[in-house]
Amino acid sequence: MSYLTTYTFTVPKDKDRLRLDKFLSESLNSISRSRLKDLIEDDHVISDGVIVDDPSSKVRVGEIYILKVPDPIPAIPIAQKIVLNIVFEDDDLIVINKSAGMVVHPAAGHIDGTLVNALLGHCGSSLSGIGGVTRPGIVHRLDKGTSGLMIVAKNDISHRHLSQQLENRSLSRRYKALVWDALSPRQGSIEGAIGRNPANRKKMAVVNKGGKPALTHYRTIKLIGTRASLVDCRLSTGRTHQIRVHMSQMGNAIVGDPLYGGGFSRRLRDAPEKPRRILKELNHQLLHAYFIGFIHPKSRKKMCFRSDIPKEFNDLIEVFEEF
């Protein structure tokens, strides 16, 4: 990645124990605090040779922080005519049932064909601008390989209102996951701070320090054969890869997860040919956002939407029930 500018800051006495994003904002008035927060979370801040990716971390006197501002994406996302599965739409918001494999917003390696491109093609300039040119209207994300319900704001007032609900946890999200083996206990809560995996910066992990608090509530819906379980997960926080990391931490990685131990070779050595073939063709985690509930930003009415698990979920459940 090429960088437009590199800045170096030393923490003075009067800035001791400020939040990192606030310290950088007060030290560099040419970049907004929200933009600085994104830069921090995207691994563009280094201190003492270590990436610092938590905007809320406290700076200390004498520490040196290096901020690398990457070159801007060369073009505003283009509107593309891509078919969307629209569950609900009005003048203020749109609820999408995202398919697995669709990237939410443009980034390196995915400059088009994303949900944002599709939304621009469907909504045009009516989308909220708060998310920036690459993320118009996006209130929350789903990973590329995760399917299910997402809410998108069509104006700035709706975006602020929905984002506030997300922050205060009144925006409810539930997921269904097909995981390996049986969870023990069958239901409960997983609490563990999540941060970048120090051994692999592309992965997240439960960490002892430097992470963000994360809490996932889970319930086993049913055992699937002898090797898998269908699980209901409810988020109290919304960290990157949270359910995937917490399930892996439990020893019950999500089936098909390419990052967190959801592969098949070890588990399917003695399986019949058909399930081995079907499972090896799966290239993403079987995680589906099946429920979303929120207060409508204009009418103030409670709105709830549900989505059935995709056909491939049911197909693989049938496979697991065979052995």
C-alpha atoms as a PDB file:
ATOM      1  CA  MET A   1       0.000   0.000   0.000  1.00  0.00           C
ATOM      2  CA  SER A   2       1.280   3.462  -0.869  1.00  0.00           C
ATOM      3  CA  TYR A   3       0.914   6.323   1.590  1.00  0.00           C
ATOM      4  CA  LEU A   4       0.038   9.930   0.887  1.00  0.00           C
ATOM      5  CA  THR A   5       1.564  11.384   4.078  1.00  0.00           C
ATOM      6  CA  THR A   6       3.231  10.182   7.281  1.00  0.00           C
ATOM      7  CA  TYR A   7       2.887  12.119  10.549  1.00  0.00           C
ATOM      8  CA  THR A   8       4.804  11.635  13.809  1.00  0.00           C
ATOM      9  CA  PHE A   9       3.466  12.839  17.181  1.00  0.00           C
ATOM     10  CA  THR A  10       4.997  12.784  20.667  1.00  0.00           C
ATOM     11  CA  VAL A  11       2.564  12.898  23.601  1.00  0.00           C
ATOM     12  CA  PRO A  12       3.139  16.029  25.762  1.00  0.00           C
ATOM     13  CA  LYS A  13       2.288  16.283  29.457  1.00  0.00           C
ATOM     14  CA  ASP A  14      -1.032  18.058  28.894  1.00  0.00           C
ATOM     15  CA  LYS A  15      -2.270  15.234  26.640  1.00  0.00           C
ATOM     16  CA  ASP A  16      -1.517  12.406  29.059  1.00  0.00           C
ATOM     17  CA  ARG A  17      -4.210   9.678  29.143  1.00  0.00           C
ATOM     18  CA  LEU A  18      -6.307  11.137  26.349  1.00  0.00           C
ATOM     19  CA  ARG A  19      -8.054   8.724  24.008  1.00  0.00           C
ATOM     20  CA  LEU A  20      -5.814   8.039  21.017  1.00  0.00           C
ATOM     21  CA  ASP A  21      -8.359   9.322  18.480  1.00  0.00           C
ATOM     22  CA  LYS A  22      -8.869  12.512  20.513  1.00  0.00           C
ATOM     23  CA  PHE A  23      -5.110  13.048  20.882  1.00  0.00           C
ATOM     24  CA  LEU A  24      -4.559  12.703  17.140  1.00  0.00           C
ATOM     25  CA  SER A  25      -7.541  14.911  16.379  1.00  0.00           C
ATOM     26  CA  GLU A  26      -6.195  17.674  18.633  1.00  0.00           C
ATOM     27  CA  SER A  27      -2.729  17.270  17.130  1.00  0.00           C
ATOM     28  CA  LEU A  28      -3.847  17.284  13.486  1.00  0.00           C
ATOM     29  CA  ASN A  29      -6.762  19.522  12.572  1.00  0.00           C
ATOM     30  CA  SER A  30      -6.632  18.705   8.857  1.00  0.00           C
ATOM     31  CA  ILE A  31      -8.253  15.284   9.366  1.00  0.00           C
ATOM     32  CA  SER A  32     -11.598  14.744  11.110  1.00  0.00           C
ATOM     33  CA  ARG A  33     -11.780  12.660  14.274  1.00  0.00           C
ATOM     34  CA  SER A  34     -14.114  10.146  12.613  1.00  0.00           C
ATOM     35  CA  ARG A  35     -11.628   9.721   9.756  1.00  0.00           C
ATOM     36  CA  LEU A  36      -8.795   9.315  12.249  1.00  0.00           C
ATOM     37  CA  LYS A  37     -10.800   6.648  14.060  1.00  0.00           C
ATOM     38  CA  ASP A  38     -11.157   4.731  10.784  1.00  0.00           C
ATOM     39  CA  LEU A  39      -7.426   5.061  10.125  1.00  0.00           C
ATOM     40  CA  ILE A  40      -6.635   3.694  13.587  1.00  0.00           C
ATOM     41  CA  GLU A  41      -8.989   0.723  13.171  1.00  0.00           C
ATOM     42  CA  ASP A  42      -7.535   0.024   9.718  1.00  0.00           C
ATOM     43  CA  ASP A  43      -4.015  -0.420  11.160  1.00  0.00           C
ATOM     44  CA  HIS A  44      -2.485   2.881  10.041  1.00  0.00           C
ATOM     45  CA  VAL A  45      -1.151   3.968  13.460  1.00  0.00           C
ATOM     46  CA  ILE A  46       2.067   2.592  14.968  1.00  0.00           C
ATOM     47  CA  SER A  47       3.708   3.141  18.341  1.00  0.00           C
ATOM     48  CA  ASP A  48       7.033   1.582  19.344  1.00  0.00           C
ATOM     49  CA  GLY A  49       6.893  -0.641  16.268  1.00  0.00           C
ATOM     50  CA  VAL A  50       3.476  -2.085  17.159  1.00  0.00           C
ATOM     51  CA  ILE A  51       0.198  -1.383  15.367  1.00  0.00           C
ATOM     52  CA  VAL A  52      -2.333   0.352  17.642  1.00  0.00           C
ATOM     53  CA  ASP A  53      -5.864  -0.359  16.387  1.00  0.00           C
ATOM     54  CA  ASP A  54      -8.029   0.770  19.329  1.00  0.00           C
ATOM     55  CA  PRO A  55      -9.184   4.422  19.068  1.00  0.00           C
ATOM     56  CA  SER A  56     -10.143   4.424  22.762  1.00  0.00           C
ATOM     57  CA  SER A  57      -6.712   3.378  24.038  1.00  0.00           C
ATOM     58  CA  LYS A  58      -5.068   5.931  26.338  1.00  0.00           C
ATOM     59  CA  VAL A  59      -1.862   7.686  25.320  1.00  0.00           C
ATOM     60  CA  ARG A  60       0.932   8.310  27.838  1.00  0.00           C
ATOM     61  CA  VAL A  61       3.465  11.126  28.154  1.00  0.00           C
ATOM     62  CA  GLY A  62       6.515  10.598  25.936  1.00  0.00           C
ATOM     63  CA  GLU A  63       4.960   7.960  23.693  1.00  0.00           C
ATOM     64  CA  ILE A  64       5.535   8.431  19.967  1.00  0.00           C
ATOM     65  CA  TYR A  65       2.767   7.685  17.469  1.00  0.00           C
ATOM     66  CA  ILE A  66       3.261   7.403  13.717  1.00  0.00           C
ATOM     67  CA  LEU A  67       0.187   7.965  11.545  1.00  0.00           C
ATOM     68  CA  LYS A  68       0.347   6.803   7.933  1.00  0.00           C
ATOM     69  CA  VAL A  69      -2.396   8.239   5.721  1.00  0.00           C
ATOM     70  CA  PRO A  70      -2.901   6.000   2.670  1.00  0.00           C
ATOM     71  CA  ASP A  71      -3.459   7.306  -0.818  1.00  0.00           C
ATOM     72  CA  PRO A  72      -7.164   7.907  -1.456  1.00  0.00           C
ATOM     73  CA  ILE A  73      -9.205   5.420  -3.434  1.00  0.00           C
ATOM     74  CA  PRO A  74      -8.956   6.852  -6.961  1.00  0.00           C
ATOM     75  CA  ALA A  75     -12.668   6.989  -7.725  1.00  0.00           C
ATOM     76  CA  ILE A  76     -16.027   7.366  -6.057  1.00  0.00           C
ATOM     77  CA  PRO A  77     -17.931   4.048  -6.198  1.00  0.00           C
ATOM     78  CA  ILE A  78     -19.952   3.707  -9.371  1.00  0.00           C
ATOM     79  CA  ALA A  79     -23.626   2.822  -9.453  1.00  0.00           C
ATOM     80  CA  GLN A  80     -24.159  -0.699 -10.766  1.00  0.00           C
ATOM     81  CA  LYS A  81     -27.316  -2.578 -11.643  1.00  0.00           C
ATOM     82  CA  ILE A  82     -26.924  -5.527  -9.312  1.00  0.00           C
ATOM     83  CA  VAL A  83     -29.979  -7.469  -8.140  1.00  0.00           C
ATOM     84  CA  LEU A  84     -30.722  -6.937  -4.446  1.00  0.00           C
ATOM     85  CA  ASN A  85     -32.962  -8.989  -2.179  1.00  0.00           C
ATOM     86  CA  ILE A  86     -34.944  -6.131  -0.634  1.00  0.00           C
ATOM     87  CA  VAL A  87     -36.976  -7.076   2.441  1.00  0.00           C
ATOM     88  CA  PHE A  88     -38.307  -3.591   3.224  1.00  0.00           C
ATOM     89  CA  GLU A  89     -37.887  -0.077   1.870  1.00  0.00           C
ATOM     90  CA  ASP A  90     -39.338   3.374   2.516  1.00  0.00           C
ATOM     91  CA  ASP A  91     -38.092   6.966   2.232  1.00  0.00           C
ATOM     92  CA  ASP A  92     -35.797   6.603   5.255  1.00  0.00           C
ATOM     93  CA  LEU A  93     -34.199   3.178   5.138  1.00  0.00           C
ATOM     94  CA  ILE A  94     -33.849  -0.088   3.307  1.00  0.00           C
ATOM     95  CA  VAL A  95     -33.453  -3.604   4.739  1.00  0.00           C
ATOM     96  CA  ILE A  96     -31.400  -5.947   2.561  1.00  0.00           C
ATOM     97  CA  ASN A  97     -31.029  -9.728   2.725  1.00  0.00           C
ATOM     98  CA  LYS A  98     -27.365  -9.977   1.678  1.00  0.00           C
ATOM     99  CA  SER A  99     -26.131 -13.110  -0.022  1.00  0.00           C
ATOM    100  CA  ALA A 100     -22.940 -14.840   1.072  1.00  0.00           C
ATOM    101  CA  GLY A 101     -20.016 -13.814  -1.095  1.00  0.00           C
ATOM    102  CA  MET A 102     -21.049 -10.167  -1.534  1.00  0.00           C
ATOM    103  CA  VAL A 103     -18.608  -7.601  -0.159  1.00  0.00           C
ATOM    104  CA  VAL A 104     -20.347  -4.713   1.625  1.00  0.00           C
ATOM    105  CA  HIS A 105     -18.206  -1.747   0.537  1.00  0.00           C
ATOM    106  CA  PRO A 106     -15.354  -1.068  -1.911  1.00  0.00           C
ATOM    107  CA  ALA A 107     -11.837  -1.709  -0.702  1.00  0.00           C
ATOM    108  CA  ALA A 108      -8.538  -2.894  -2.097  1.00  0.00           C
ATOM    109  CA  GLY A 109      -9.271  -5.925  -4.269  1.00  0.00           C
ATOM    110  CA  HIS A 110     -13.013  -5.162  -4.363  1.00  0.00           C
ATOM    111  CA  ILE A 111     -13.468  -1.834  -6.120  1.00  0.00           C
ATOM    112  CA  ASP A 112     -16.846  -2.757  -7.614  1.00  0.00           C
ATOM    113  CA  GLY A 113     -19.563  -5.412  -7.474  1.00  0.00           C
ATOM    114  CA  THR A 114     -20.156  -4.576  -3.809  1.00  0.00           C
ATOM    115  CA  LEU A 115     -23.344  -3.911  -1.884  1.00  0.00           C
ATOM    116  CA  VAL A 116     -22.531  -0.193  -1.987  1.00  0.00           C
ATOM    117  CA  ASN A 117     -22.321  -0.286  -5.790  1.00  0.00           C
ATOM    118  CA  ALA A 118     -25.668  -2.074  -5.901  1.00  0.00           C
ATOM    119  CA  LEU A 119     -27.258   0.388  -3.469  1.00  0.00           C
ATOM    120  CA  LEU A 120     -26.051   3.358  -5.522  1.00  0.00           C
ATOM    121  CA  GLY A 121     -27.600   1.728  -8.568  1.00  0.00           C
ATOM    122  CA  HIS A 122     -30.887   1.225  -6.731  1.00  0.00           C
ATOM    123  CA  CYS A 123     -31.125   4.390  -4.601  1.00  0.00           C
ATOM    124  CA  GLY A 124     -28.943   6.870  -6.440  1.00  0.00           C
ATOM    125  CA  SER A 125     -27.979   9.993  -4.527  1.00  0.00           C
ATOM    126  CA  SER A 126     -30.622   9.488  -1.833  1.00  0.00           C
ATOM    127  CA  LEU A 127     -28.291   7.416   0.362  1.00  0.00           C
ATOM    128  CA  SER A 128     -26.937   8.924   3.580  1.00  0.00           C
ATOM    129  CA  GLY A 129     -23.520  10.499   3.180  1.00  0.00           C
ATOM    130  CA  ILE A 130     -22.349  10.022   6.763  1.00  0.00           C
ATOM    131  CA  GLY A 131     -20.509   6.802   5.967  1.00  0.00           C
ATOM    132  CA  GLY A 132     -18.264   8.587   3.447  1.00  0.00           C
ATOM    133  CA  VAL A 133     -17.990   8.166  -0.294  1.00  0.00           C
ATOM    134  CA  THR A 134     -17.083   4.485  -0.067  1.00  0.00           C
ATOM    135  CA  ARG A 135     -19.735   3.557   2.511  1.00  0.00           C
ATOM    136  CA  PRO A 136     -22.865   5.643   1.844  1.00  0.00           C
ATOM    137  CA  GLY A 137     -25.757   4.655   4.090  1.00  0.00           C
ATOM    138  CA  ILE A 138     -23.942   1.738   5.723  1.00  0.00           C
ATOM    139  CA  VAL A 139     -24.939   1.498   9.398  1.00  0.00           C
ATOM    140  CA  HIS A 140     -23.339  -1.881  10.145  1.00  0.00           C
ATOM    141  CA  ARG A 141     -21.506  -4.541   8.179  1.00  0.00           C
ATOM    142  CA  LEU A 142     -21.609  -8.242   7.500  1.00  0.00           C
ATOM    143  CA  ASP A 143     -18.501 -10.155   6.483  1.00  0.00           C
ATOM    144  CA  LYS A 144     -18.227 -11.159   2.838  1.00  0.00           C
ATOM    145  CA  GLY A 145     -18.995 -14.802   3.642  1.00  0.00           C
ATOM    146  CA  THR A 146     -21.866 -14.038   6.047  1.00  0.00           C
ATOM    147  CA  SER A 147     -25.394 -13.849   4.662  1.00  0.00           C
ATOM    148  CA  GLY A 148     -28.495 -12.182   6.050  1.00  0.00           C
ATOM    149  CA  LEU A 149     -30.198  -8.971   7.076  1.00  0.00           C
ATOM    150  CA  MET A 150     -28.593  -5.526   6.946  1.00  0.00           C
ATOM    151  CA  ILE A 151     -30.101  -2.086   7.402  1.00  0.00           C
ATOM    152  CA  VAL A 152     -29.071   0.870   5.235  1.00  0.00           C
ATOM    153  CA  ALA A 153     -29.943   4.531   5.867  1.00  0.00           C
ATOM    154  CA  LYS A 154     -31.286   6.660   3.033  1.00  0.00           C
ATOM    155  CA  ASN A 155     -30.717  10.031   4.718  1.00  0.00           C
ATOM    156  CA  ASP A 156     -28.413  11.473   7.370  1.00  0.00           C
ATOM    157  CA  ILE A 157     -31.105  11.779  10.057  1.00  0.00           C
ATOM    158  CA  SER A 158     -31.916   8.073   9.750  1.00  0.00           C
ATOM    159  CA  HIS A 159     -28.215   7.205   9.741  1.00  0.00           C
ATOM    160  CA  ARG A 160     -27.588   9.067  12.997  1.00  0.00           C
ATOM    161  CA  HIS A 161     -30.648   7.571  14.668  1.00  0.00           C
ATOM    162  CA  LEU A 162     -29.837   3.993  13.629  1.00  0.00           C
ATOM    163  CA  SER A 163     -26.152   4.365  14.484  1.00  0.00           C
ATOM    164  CA  GLN A 164     -27.130   5.558  17.957  1.00  0.00           C
ATOM    165  CA  GLN A 165     -29.295   2.458  18.391  1.00  0.00           C
ATOM    166  CA  LEU A 166     -26.357   0.320  17.317  1.00  0.00           C
ATOM    167  CA  GLU A 167     -24.120   2.071  19.835  1.00  0.00           C
ATOM    168  CA  ASN A 168     -26.537   1.781  22.761  1.00  0.00           C
ATOM    169  CA  ARG A 169     -27.358  -1.835  21.801  1.00  0.00           C
ATOM    170  CA  SER A 170     -31.061  -1.265  21.226  1.00  0.00           C
ATOM    171  CA  LEU A 171     -30.640  -2.390  17.607  1.00  0.00           C
ATOM    172  CA  SER A 172     -31.084  -6.150  17.981  1.00  0.00           C
ATOM    173  CA  ARG A 173     -29.295  -8.684  15.773  1.00  0.00           C
ATOM    174  CA  ARG A 174     -29.478 -12.464  15.890  1.00  0.00           C
ATOM    175  CA  TYR A 175     -27.604 -15.047  13.883  1.00  0.00           C
ATOM    176  CA  LYS A 176     -27.796 -18.739  13.126  1.00  0.00           C
ATOM    177  CA  ALA A 177     -24.571 -20.671  12.693  1.00  0.00           C
ATOM    178  CA  LEU A 178     -23.724 -24.243  11.799  1.00  0.00           C
ATOM    179  CA  VAL A 179     -20.753 -25.148  13.983  1.00  0.00           C
ATOM    180  CA  TRP A 180     -18.606 -28.222  14.445  1.00  0.00           C
ATOM    181  CA  ASP A 181     -19.437 -30.661  17.248  1.00  0.00           C
ATOM    182  CA  ALA A 182     -21.633 -30.081  20.327  1.00  0.00           C
ATOM    183  CA  LEU A 183     -21.157 -26.999  22.474  1.00  0.00           C
ATOM    184  CA  SER A 184     -20.546 -27.451  26.174  1.00  0.00           C
ATOM    185  CA  PRO A 185     -22.536 -26.072  27.848  1.00  0.00           C
ATOM    186  CA  ARG A 186     -25.344 -26.187  25.273  1.00  0.00           C
ATOM    187  CA  GLN A 187     -26.202 -22.547  25.958  1.00  0.00           C
ATOM    188  CA  GLY A 188     -24.525 -19.647  27.689  1.00  0.00           C
ATOM    189  CA  SER A 189     -22.455 -16.532  27.072  1.00  0.00           C
ATOM    190  CA  ILE A 190     -18.953 -16.042  25.708  1.00  0.00           C
ATOM    191  CA  GLU A 191     -17.108 -13.006  27.004  1.00  0.00           C
ATOM    192  CA  GLY A 192     -13.637 -12.154  25.842  1.00  0.00           C
ATOM    193  CA  ALA A 193     -11.986  -9.006  24.530  1.00  0.00           C
ATOM    194  CA  ILE A 194     -11.327  -9.143  20.790  1.00  0.00           C
ATOM    195  CA  GLY A 195      -8.342  -7.545  19.064  1.00  0.00           C
ATOM    196  CA  ARG A 196      -5.957  -8.199  16.214  1.00  0.00           C
ATOM    197  CA  ASN A 197      -4.234 -11.561  16.326  1.00  0.00           C
ATOM    198  CA  PRO A 198      -0.570 -10.674  16.974  1.00  0.00           C
ATOM    199  CA  ALA A 199       0.521 -13.666  14.884  1.00  0.00           C
ATOM    200  CA  ASN A 200      -1.711 -12.851  11.896  1.00  0.00           C
ATOM    201  CA  ARG A 201      -2.973  -9.301  11.405  1.00  0.00           C
ATOM    202  CA  LYS A 202      -5.695 -10.476   9.009  1.00  0.00           C
ATOM    203  CA  LYS A 203      -7.350 -12.367  11.864  1.00  0.00           C
ATOM    204  CA  MET A 204      -8.959 -11.305  15.109  1.00  0.00           C
ATOM    205  CA  ALA A 205      -8.524 -13.150  18.407  1.00  0.00           C
ATOM    206  CA  VAL A 206      -9.525 -13.162  22.059  1.00  0.00           C
ATOM    207  CA  VAL A 207      -6.700 -11.182  23.646  1.00  0.00           C
ATOM    208  CA  ASN A 208      -5.579 -10.452  27.195  1.00  0.00           C
ATOM    209  CA  LYS A 209      -4.887  -6.765  26.580  1.00  0.00           C
ATOM    210  CA  GLY A 210      -5.461  -4.164  23.915  1.00  0.00           C
ATOM    211  CA  GLY A 211      -8.763  -5.583  22.652  1.00  0.00           C
ATOM    212  CA  LYS A 212     -12.352  -4.377  22.857  1.00  0.00           C
ATOM    213  CA  PRO A 213     -14.908  -5.968  25.212  1.00  0.00           C
ATOM    214  CA  ALA A 214     -17.076  -8.499  23.396  1.00  0.00           C
ATOM    215  CA  LEU A 215     -20.077 -10.506  24.590  1.00  0.00           C
ATOM    216  CA  THR A 216     -21.952 -13.179  22.614  1.00  0.00           C
ATOM    217  CA  HIS A 217     -24.971 -15.111  23.923  1.00  0.00           C
ATOM    218  CA  TYR A 218     -25.596 -18.490  22.319  1.00  0.00           C
ATOM    219  CA  ARG A 219     -28.139 -21.304  22.433  1.00  0.00           C
ATOM    220  CA  THR A 220     -27.965 -24.702  20.775  1.00  0.00           C
ATOM    221  CA  ILE A 221     -31.053 -25.141  18.591  1.00  0.00           C
ATOM    222  CA  LYS A 222     -30.328 -28.778  17.817  1.00  0.00           C
ATOM    223  CA  LEU A 223     -27.518 -31.269  17.308  1.00  0.00           C
ATOM    224  CA  ILE A 224     -26.953 -32.244  13.683  1.00  0.00           C
ATOM    225  CA  GLY A 225     -25.877 -35.876  13.483  1.00  0.00           C
ATOM    226  CA  THR A 226     -22.775 -36.558  15.546  1.00  0.00           C
ATOM    227  CA  ARG A 227     -20.511 -33.814  14.201  1.00  0.00           C
ATOM    228  CA  ALA A 228     -22.294 -30.466  14.117  1.00  0.00           C
ATOM    229  CA  SER A 229     -24.793 -28.176  15.857  1.00  0.00           C
ATOM    230  CA  LEU A 230     -27.172 -25.474  14.720  1.00  0.00           C
ATOM    231  CA  VAL A 231     -26.703 -22.504  17.069  1.00  0.00           C
ATOM    232  CA  ASP A 232     -28.577 -19.259  17.718  1.00  0.00           C
ATOM    233  CA  CYS A 233     -26.287 -16.315  18.580  1.00  0.00           C
ATOM    234  CA  ARG A 234     -27.262 -12.919  19.963  1.00  0.00           C
ATOM    235  CA  LEU A 235     -24.796 -10.031  20.027  1.00  0.00           C
ATOM    236  CA  SER A 236     -24.415  -7.649  22.944  1.00  0.00           C
ATOM    237  CA  THR A 237     -21.461  -6.028  21.182  1.00  0.00           C
ATOM    238  CA  GLY A 238     -20.503  -5.833  17.525  1.00  0.00           C
ATOM    239  CA  ARG A 239     -16.794  -6.512  17.144  1.00  0.00           C
ATOM    240  CA  THR A 240     -15.108  -7.545  13.915  1.00  0.00           C
ATOM    241  CA  HIS A 241     -15.607 -11.304  13.330  1.00  0.00           C
ATOM    242  CA  GLN A 242     -17.094 -11.563  16.847  1.00  0.00           C
ATOM    243  CA  ILE A 243     -19.215 -14.708  16.497  1.00  0.00           C
ATOM    244  CA  ARG A 244     -16.585 -16.423  14.369  1.00  0.00           C
ATOM    245  CA  VAL A 245     -13.858 -15.707  16.940  1.00  0.00           C
ATOM    246  CA  HIS A 246     -15.971 -16.645  19.974  1.00  0.00           C
ATOM    247  CA  MET A 247     -17.184 -19.915  18.449  1.00  0.00           C
ATOM    248  CA  SER A 248     -13.618 -20.827  17.544  1.00  0.00           C
ATOM    249  CA  GLN A 249     -12.524 -19.943  21.079  1.00  0.00           C
ATOM    250  CA  MET A 250     -15.119 -22.420  22.368  1.00  0.00           C
ATOM    251  CA  GLY A 251     -13.627 -25.124  20.143  1.00  0.00           C
ATOM    252  CA  ASN A 252     -16.713 -25.071  17.882  1.00  0.00           C
ATOM    253  CA  ALA A 253     -15.577 -23.191  14.789  1.00  0.00           C
ATOM    254  CA  ILE A 254     -18.255 -22.292  12.255  1.00  0.00           C
ATOM    255  CA  VAL A 255     -18.431 -24.843   9.470  1.00  0.00           C
ATOM    256  CA  GLY A 256     -16.630 -23.593   6.377  1.00  0.00           C
ATOM    257  CA  ASP A 257     -14.907 -20.667   8.111  1.00  0.00           C
ATOM    258  CA  PRO A 258     -11.705 -20.084   6.099  1.00  0.00           C
ATOM    259  CA  LEU A 259      -9.976 -18.104   8.865  1.00  0.00           C
ATOM    260  CA  TYR A 260     -10.953 -19.632  12.195  1.00  0.00           C
ATOM    261  CA  GLY A 261     -10.631 -23.378  11.908  1.00  0.00           C
ATOM    262  CA  GLY A 262     -13.824 -24.294  10.090  1.00  0.00           C
ATOM    263  CA  GLY A 263     -12.075 -26.495   7.522  1.00  0.00           C
ATOM    264  CA  PHE A 264     -12.856 -30.108   6.814  1.00  0.00           C
ATOM    265  CA  SER A 265      -9.792 -32.291   6.239  1.00  0.00           C
ATOM    266  CA  ARG A 266      -9.245 -33.350   9.849  1.00  0.00           C
ATOM    267  CA  ARG A 267     -12.928 -33.920  10.584  1.00  0.00           C
ATOM    268  CA  LEU A 268     -13.955 -35.734   7.405  1.00  0.00           C
ATOM    269  CA  ARG A 269     -11.276 -38.363   6.931  1.00  0.00           C
ATOM    270  CA  ASP A 270     -13.769 -41.153   7.618  1.00  0.00           C
ATOM    271  CA  ALA A 271     -16.814 -39.474   6.030  1.00  0.00           C
ATOM    272  CA  PRO A 272     -18.541 -40.818   2.902  1.00  0.00           C
ATOM    273  CA  GLU A 273     -17.540 -39.340  -0.457  1.00  0.00           C
ATOM    274  CA  LYS A 274     -20.706 -37.235  -0.947  1.00  0.00           C
ATOM    275  CA  PRO A 275     -20.439 -35.113   2.231  1.00  0.00           C
ATOM    276  CA  ARG A 276     -16.693 -34.711   1.724  1.00  0.00           C
ATOM    277  CA  ARG A 277     -17.264 -33.417  -1.793  1.00  0.00           C
ATOM    278  CA  ILE A 278     -20.074 -31.029  -0.823  1.00  0.00           C
ATOM    279  CA  LEU A 279     -18.256 -29.643   2.185  1.00  0.00           C
ATOM    280  CA  LYS A 280     -14.976 -29.123   0.327  1.00  0.00           C
ATOM    281  CA  GLU A 281     -16.817 -27.014  -2.246  1.00  0.00           C
ATOM    282  CA  LEU A 282     -18.031 -24.644   0.493  1.00  0.00           C
ATOM    283  CA  ASN A 283     -15.852 -21.499   0.479  1.00  0.00           C
ATOM    284  CA  HIS A 284     -17.363 -19.449   3.311  1.00  0.00           C
ATOM    285  CA  GLN A 285     -18.604 -19.717   6.890  1.00  0.00           C
ATOM    286  CA  LEU A 286     -22.191 -20.900   7.464  1.00  0.00           C
ATOM    287  CA  LEU A 287     -23.303 -17.841   9.416  1.00  0.00           C
ATOM    288  CA  HIS A 288     -26.619 -16.100   8.701  1.00  0.00           C
ATOM    289  CA  ALA A 289     -28.046 -12.896  10.197  1.00  0.00           C
ATOM    290  CA  TYR A 290     -31.657 -14.055  10.440  1.00  0.00           C
ATOM    291  CA  PHE A 291     -33.178 -11.326  12.641  1.00  0.00           C
ATOM    292  CA  ILE A 292     -32.909  -7.566  12.990  1.00  0.00           C
ATOM    293  CA  GLY A 293     -35.023  -5.295  15.196  1.00  0.00           C
ATOM    294  CA  PHE A 294     -34.888  -1.514  15.583  1.00  0.00           C
ATOM    295  CA  ILE A 295     -36.932   1.628  16.154  1.00  0.00           C
ATOM    296  CA  HIS A 296     -37.879   3.371  12.923  1.00  0.00           C
ATOM    297  CA  PRO A 297     -36.073   6.742  12.899  1.00  0.00           C
ATOM    298  CA  LYS A 298     -39.140   8.687  11.757  1.00  0.00           C
ATOM    299  CA  SER A 299     -42.273   6.837  12.930  1.00  0.00           C
ATOM    300  CA  ARG A 300     -40.562   5.610  16.158  1.00  0.00           C
ATOM    301  CA  LYS A 301     -42.328   2.280  15.701  1.00  0.00           C
ATOM    302  CA  LYS A 302     -40.591  -0.978  16.569  1.00  0.00           C
ATOM    303  CA  MET A 303     -39.707  -2.898  13.413  1.00  0.00           C
ATOM    304  CA  CYS A 304     -38.582  -6.519  13.236  1.00  0.00           C
ATOM    305  CA  PHE A 305     -37.540  -8.607  10.244  1.00  0.00           C
ATOM    306  CA  ARG A 306     -36.638 -12.276   9.863  1.00  0.00           C
ATOM    307  CA  SER A 307     -34.897 -14.209   7.132  1.00  0.00           C
ATOM    308  CA  ASP A 308     -34.887 -17.969   6.571  1.00  0.00           C
ATOM    309  CA  ILE A 309     -31.501 -19.668   6.520  1.00  0.00           C
ATOM    310  CA  PRO A 310     -30.213 -20.147   2.954  1.00  0.00           C
ATOM    311  CA  LYS A 311     -30.790 -23.358   1.026  1.00  0.00           C
ATOM    312  CA  GLU A 312     -27.140 -24.377   1.398  1.00  0.00           C
ATOM    313  CA  PHE A 313     -27.625 -24.401   5.200  1.00  0.00           C
ATOM    314  CA  ASN A 314     -30.461 -26.913   4.873  1.00  0.00           C
ATOM    315  CA  ASP A 315     -28.549 -28.935   2.274  1.00  0.00           C
ATOM    316  CA  LEU A 316     -25.563 -29.259   4.600  1.00  0.00           C
ATOM    317  CA  ILE A 317     -27.758 -30.041   7.583  1.00  0.00           C
ATOM    318  CA  GLU A 318     -29.135 -32.977   5.592  1.00  0.00           C
ATOM    319  CA  VAL A 319     -25.554 -34.047   4.800  1.00  0.00           C
ATOM    320  CA  PHE A 320     -24.524 -33.947   8.463  1.00  0.00           C
ATOM    321  CA  GLU A 321     -27.595 -35.915   9.503  1.00  0.00           C
ATOM    322  CA  GLU A 322     -26.363 -38.793   7.321  1.00  0.00           C
ATOM    323  CA  PHE A 323     -23.254 -39.477   9.375  1.00  0.00           C
END
